[in-house]
Amino acid sequence: MEGMKRTLIRAAGIVVLAAVTGAACVLEAVAAWPMR
């Protein structure tokens, strides 16, 4: 049971990291759009 909780926490951290990275990527693309 303890290992399961640790795995869930790790998975949640990976999801949050991916979401933040994706959002930063999208924001950067939107910010760079008018400069083309």
Protein backbone atom coordinates (compact mmCIF):
# COMPACT_ATOMS: atom_id res chain seq x y z
CA MET A 1 0.00 0.00 0.00
CA GLU A 2 2.81 2.41 0.86
CA GLY A 3 4.54 1.75 -2.45
CA MET A 4 1.30 2.46 -4.30
CA LYS A 5 0.97 5.87 -2.64
CA ARG A 6 4.56 6.73 -3.53
CA THR A 7 3.95 5.72 -7.15
CA LEU A 8 0.81 7.87 -7.30
CA ILE A 9 2.68 10.87 -5.88
CA ARG A 10 5.48 10.39 -8.42
CA ALA A 11 2.96 10.09 -11.27
CA ALA A 12 1.18 13.24 -10.11
CA GLY A 13 4.48 15.11 -9.99
CA ILE A 14 5.31 14.00 -13.55
CA VAL A 15 1.86 15.10 -14.76
CA VAL A 16 2.24 18.51 -13.09
CA LEU A 17 5.72 18.93 -14.57
CA ALA A 18 4.45 18.02 -18.05
CA ALA A 19 1.51 20.41 -17.71
CA VAL A 20 3.75 23.29 -16.62
CA THR A 21 6.21 22.59 -19.44
CA GLY A 22 3.39 22.39 -21.98
CA ALA A 23 1.83 25.62 -20.74
CA ALA A 24 5.19 27.42 -20.91
CA CYS A 25 5.71 26.08 -24.45
CA VAL A 26 2.25 27.30 -25.53
CA LEU A 27 2.76 30.71 -23.89
CA GLU A 28 6.14 31.07 -25.61
CA ALA A 29 4.60 30.17 -28.98
CA VAL A 30 1.75 32.66 -28.46
CA ALA A 31 4.18 35.39 -27.41
CA ALA A 32 6.43 34.75 -30.44
CA TRP A 33 3.52 34.59 -32.91
CA PRO A 34 3.30 38.38 -33.74
CA MET A 35 7.06 38.58 -34.37
CA ARG A 36 6.95 36.33 -37.44
